[in-house]
Amino acid sequence: MAGLVRAELHLITEEAPPTSYSHNGELHGFAVEVVRALIERTGDSSQIELMPWTRGYNLAQQRPDTAIFSTVRTPEREARFQWVGPILIGTTRFYSLKSRNLRFDTLQDAAASGPLAVPKQWYTFETLESHGFKNLYGVPSSKNMVTMLKHGRVKLIATEDLTLDAELARGGLRAEDVQAHLPLMRSAYYIAFSLQTDAAVIERWQEALRGMHQDGSFAEVFQRWMPHADLPAPPQ
């Protein structure tokens, strides 16, 4: 009997170097490279598309055979997706301009800092809201966030160590221009498939990711793109 025909998978990502980004019309980045390796190992027919986060996040909840990466796995999102990973672990911290010589030792200090810029669609924004922050300045993008910091319109921003360098560069700053303050949270990033996707796809991709860990290919890709980050544990 002929085997079942597998559906083509639609894999969505956003502009978020160094994990995923476009250059001269081609997609690059750590997460893109991992996803391509998983496509090859599973033999699934797939296409990867770059689009704004909010649109991609909505599509990945509504359509079968669709996933978005890299996505923070949170209690609020747990039941909305089927999860493959983790592929990254990041730490979100508060950052100020080093030239201002500011000090923030507690969440209460950060909440009393005046307007704190964070992209409104980020999980970080939701988390700070849940901590009772009343000073959040929701912006459209990380570039807006960094630009506001650079020009003194806010004292603090909150972002992840994994993407800090690229975000600062888009707003005209460098890592040596900012001061890191207390950590807010550690986040595990996954490939998030829609609930309408066949569970066999999730099992196949998790097994392929475990294989990448076992043969060392995941560590090779990770260390090339993320030399200063902590290697995530293999999926269970």
Protein backbone atom coordinates (compact mmCIF):
# COMPACT_ATOMS: atom_id res chain seq x y z
CA MET A 1 0.00 0.00 0.00
CA ALA A 2 1.32 3.43 -0.90
CA GLY A 3 2.48 5.63 1.97
CA LEU A 4 0.49 8.62 3.09
CA VAL A 5 1.32 11.90 1.38
CA ARG A 6 2.74 14.41 3.86
CA ALA A 7 1.35 17.92 3.85
CA GLU A 8 3.72 20.77 3.02
CA LEU A 9 4.72 22.69 6.13
CA HIS A 10 4.65 26.49 6.28
CA LEU A 11 7.37 27.74 8.64
CA ILE A 12 7.25 31.40 9.64
CA THR A 13 9.99 33.50 11.19
CA GLU A 14 10.68 37.19 11.79
CA GLU A 15 13.57 39.60 11.33
CA ALA A 16 15.51 38.92 14.54
CA PRO A 17 19.27 38.54 13.97
CA PRO A 18 21.26 36.51 14.74
CA THR A 19 18.52 33.88 15.04
CA SER A 20 16.74 34.75 11.77
CA TYR A 21 17.19 37.52 9.25
CA SER A 22 17.24 38.31 5.53
CA HIS A 23 20.30 39.38 3.56
CA ASN A 24 20.25 39.98 -0.20
CA GLY A 25 16.95 38.14 -0.43
CA GLU A 26 18.21 35.04 1.41
CA LEU A 27 17.29 33.86 4.91
CA HIS A 28 20.11 33.32 7.40
CA GLY A 29 20.61 32.85 11.13
CA PHE A 30 20.97 30.23 13.82
CA ALA A 31 17.30 29.23 14.01
CA VAL A 32 16.95 29.21 10.22
CA GLU A 33 19.93 26.86 9.94
CA VAL A 34 18.51 24.52 12.60
CA VAL A 35 15.07 24.45 10.95
CA ARG A 36 16.63 23.70 7.55
CA ALA A 37 18.58 20.82 9.11
CA LEU A 38 15.36 19.46 10.65
CA ILE A 39 13.57 19.73 7.29
CA GLU A 40 16.36 17.70 5.70
CA ARG A 41 16.35 15.07 8.46
CA THR A 42 12.57 14.63 8.50
CA GLY A 43 12.15 14.74 4.74
CA ASP A 44 9.15 17.04 5.11
CA SER A 45 8.29 19.34 2.22
CA SER A 46 8.50 22.82 3.72
CA GLN A 47 8.80 26.50 2.95
CA ILE A 48 10.22 29.18 5.27
CA GLU A 49 8.77 32.67 5.09
CA LEU A 50 9.82 35.90 6.80
CA MET A 51 6.99 38.15 8.02
CA PRO A 52 6.15 40.51 10.89
CA TRP A 53 5.81 38.72 14.22
CA THR A 54 2.17 39.57 14.99
CA ARG A 55 0.91 38.34 11.62
CA GLY A 56 2.99 35.17 11.77
CA TYR A 57 1.94 34.44 15.35
CA ASN A 58 -1.73 34.68 14.39
CA LEU A 59 -1.31 32.49 11.30
CA ALA A 60 0.51 29.84 13.31
CA GLN A 61 -2.52 29.54 15.59
CA GLN A 62 -5.11 29.41 12.81
CA ARG A 63 -3.69 27.23 10.03
CA PRO A 64 -2.81 23.53 9.89
CA ASP A 65 0.76 22.51 9.03
CA THR A 66 2.07 25.91 10.14
CA ALA A 67 4.73 26.88 12.68
CA ILE A 68 6.46 30.02 13.91
CA PHE A 69 10.00 30.21 15.25
CA SER A 70 11.72 31.08 17.48
CA THR A 71 8.90 31.39 20.04
CA VAL A 72 9.14 31.72 23.82
CA ARG A 73 7.24 28.91 25.53
CA THR A 74 5.14 30.40 28.31
CA PRO A 75 2.27 29.16 30.50
CA GLU A 76 -0.09 31.53 28.65
CA ARG A 77 0.92 30.09 25.27
CA GLU A 78 1.26 26.45 26.30
CA ALA A 79 -2.15 25.27 25.09
CA ARG A 80 -2.07 27.34 21.87
CA PHE A 81 0.68 25.36 20.12
CA GLN A 82 2.51 22.07 19.82
CA TRP A 83 6.16 22.56 20.76
CA VAL A 84 9.46 21.39 19.25
CA GLY A 85 12.56 22.32 21.21
CA PRO A 86 14.03 24.04 23.06
CA ILE A 87 16.48 25.47 20.56
CA LEU A 88 17.59 28.56 22.55
CA ILE A 89 17.72 29.86 26.11
CA GLY A 90 17.93 33.63 26.62
CA THR A 91 18.05 36.06 29.55
CA THR A 92 16.05 39.29 29.49
CA ARG A 93 17.62 42.20 31.37
CA PHE A 94 17.10 45.91 31.80
CA TYR A 95 19.58 48.19 30.02
CA SER A 96 20.39 51.90 30.34
CA LEU A 97 22.88 54.21 28.65
CA LYS A 98 26.26 53.72 30.30
CA SER A 99 26.95 57.45 30.01
CA ARG A 100 24.09 58.19 32.42
CA ASN A 101 25.67 56.10 35.20
CA LEU A 102 22.32 54.89 36.52
CA ARG A 103 21.72 52.13 39.05
CA PHE A 104 18.71 49.82 39.28
CA ASP A 105 18.92 47.02 41.82
CA THR A 106 15.30 45.88 42.12
CA LEU A 107 12.17 45.55 40.01
CA GLN A 108 10.74 48.39 42.09
CA ASP A 109 13.63 50.61 40.97
CA ALA A 110 12.90 49.76 37.33
CA ALA A 111 9.17 50.37 37.79
CA ALA A 112 9.95 53.83 39.19
CA SER A 113 12.41 54.78 36.44
CA GLY A 114 9.96 56.78 34.32
CA PRO A 115 8.83 55.51 30.90
CA LEU A 116 10.34 52.10 30.08
CA ALA A 117 10.33 51.29 26.35
CA VAL A 118 9.44 47.75 25.22
CA PRO A 119 7.82 46.56 21.96
CA LYS A 120 4.15 46.06 22.81
CA GLN A 121 3.91 42.69 21.02
CA TRP A 122 6.77 41.14 23.03
CA TYR A 123 6.20 38.63 25.83
CA THR A 124 8.46 40.92 27.90
CA PHE A 125 5.74 43.59 27.77
CA GLU A 126 3.15 41.08 29.04
CA THR A 127 5.48 39.93 31.80
CA LEU A 128 6.21 43.45 33.04
CA GLU A 129 2.49 44.24 32.99
CA SER A 130 1.86 41.15 35.10
CA HIS A 131 4.48 42.43 37.58
CA GLY A 132 2.44 45.60 37.98
CA PHE A 133 4.63 47.95 35.93
CA LYS A 134 2.67 51.12 35.21
CA ASN A 135 5.50 52.89 33.35
CA LEU A 136 5.57 50.77 30.16
CA TYR A 137 5.96 52.68 26.91
CA GLY A 138 4.74 50.26 24.22
CA VAL A 139 6.59 50.81 20.92
CA PRO A 140 6.17 49.16 17.48
CA SER A 141 9.65 47.64 17.23
CA SER A 142 13.00 47.09 18.91
CA LYS A 143 14.48 49.81 16.69
CA ASN A 144 12.01 52.32 18.16
CA MET A 145 12.92 51.11 21.65
CA VAL A 146 16.67 51.61 21.14
CA THR A 147 16.20 54.96 19.41
CA MET A 148 14.22 56.24 22.40
CA LEU A 149 17.01 55.13 24.73
CA LYS A 150 19.69 56.72 22.58
CA HIS A 151 17.95 60.11 22.53
CA GLY A 152 17.15 60.12 26.25
CA ARG A 153 13.38 59.74 25.91
CA VAL A 154 13.53 56.75 28.28
CA LYS A 155 16.08 55.70 30.90
CA LEU A 156 15.52 51.97 30.54
CA ILE A 157 14.72 49.31 28.00
CA ALA A 158 14.26 45.57 28.49
CA THR A 159 15.56 43.03 25.98
CA GLU A 160 17.36 39.71 25.63
CA ASP A 161 21.05 39.03 25.59
CA LEU A 162 20.68 36.81 22.48
CA THR A 163 19.56 39.65 20.21
CA LEU A 164 21.01 42.66 22.05
CA ASP A 165 23.87 43.49 19.67
CA ALA A 166 21.70 43.47 16.54
CA GLU A 167 18.91 45.46 18.21
CA LEU A 168 21.33 48.11 19.44
CA ALA A 169 22.91 48.39 15.99
CA ARG A 170 19.53 49.03 14.35
CA GLY A 171 19.01 51.95 16.73
CA GLY A 172 22.50 53.38 16.36
CA LEU A 173 24.10 52.04 19.57
CA ARG A 174 26.74 49.44 20.46
CA ALA A 175 27.02 47.01 23.35
CA GLU A 176 29.69 49.18 25.00
CA ASP A 177 27.20 52.10 25.04
CA VAL A 178 24.81 50.39 27.45
CA GLN A 179 24.85 49.16 31.03
CA ALA A 180 23.19 45.85 31.92
CA HIS A 181 21.09 45.78 35.09
CA LEU A 182 19.17 43.10 36.94
CA PRO A 183 17.77 40.10 35.03
CA LEU A 184 14.01 39.87 34.57
CA MET A 185 13.62 36.29 33.29
CA ARG A 186 15.12 33.39 31.41
CA SER A 187 13.20 32.22 28.36
CA ALA A 188 13.23 28.98 26.39
CA TYR A 189 12.65 29.34 22.64
CA TYR A 190 10.89 26.70 20.55
CA ILE A 191 9.44 25.98 17.12
CA ALA A 192 5.70 26.39 17.75
CA PHE A 193 3.36 24.37 15.51
CA SER A 194 -0.38 25.00 15.21
CA LEU A 195 -2.73 22.68 17.07
CA GLN A 196 -4.20 21.67 13.69
CA THR A 197 -0.86 20.10 12.64
CA ASP A 198 -0.65 16.30 12.76
CA ALA A 199 0.96 15.18 16.03
CA ALA A 200 3.17 12.82 13.99
CA VAL A 201 4.94 15.90 12.58
CA ILE A 202 5.78 17.08 16.11
CA GLU A 203 7.12 13.67 17.10
CA ARG A 204 9.18 13.47 13.90
CA TRP A 205 10.70 16.92 14.44
CA GLN A 206 11.46 16.31 18.11
CA GLU A 207 13.19 13.06 17.22
CA ALA A 208 15.21 14.81 14.49
CA LEU A 209 16.26 17.51 17.00
CA ARG A 210 17.33 14.82 19.47
CA GLY A 211 19.39 13.30 16.66
CA MET A 212 21.14 16.63 16.06
CA HIS A 213 22.12 16.73 19.73
CA GLN A 214 23.30 13.13 19.73
CA ASP A 215 25.58 13.47 16.70
CA GLY A 216 26.96 16.87 17.73
CA SER A 217 25.59 18.81 14.76
CA PHE A 218 23.34 20.98 16.93
CA ALA A 219 26.27 22.02 19.12
CA GLU A 220 28.34 22.83 16.02
CA VAL A 221 25.65 25.15 14.62
CA PHE A 222 24.97 26.66 18.04
CA GLN A 223 28.59 27.47 18.85
CA ARG A 224 29.12 29.04 15.45
CA TRP A 225 26.18 31.43 15.84
CA MET A 226 25.91 31.77 19.64
CA PRO A 227 29.42 31.43 21.06
CA HIS A 228 28.59 33.21 24.33
CA ALA A 229 25.19 31.63 25.03
CA ASP A 230 24.33 28.51 27.05
CA LEU A 231 23.72 25.38 24.99
CA PRO A 232 20.14 24.18 25.61
CA ALA A 233 19.56 20.61 26.78
CA PRO A 234 18.28 18.03 24.28
CA PRO A 235 14.47 17.72 24.11
CA GLN A 236 12.90 15.08 26.34
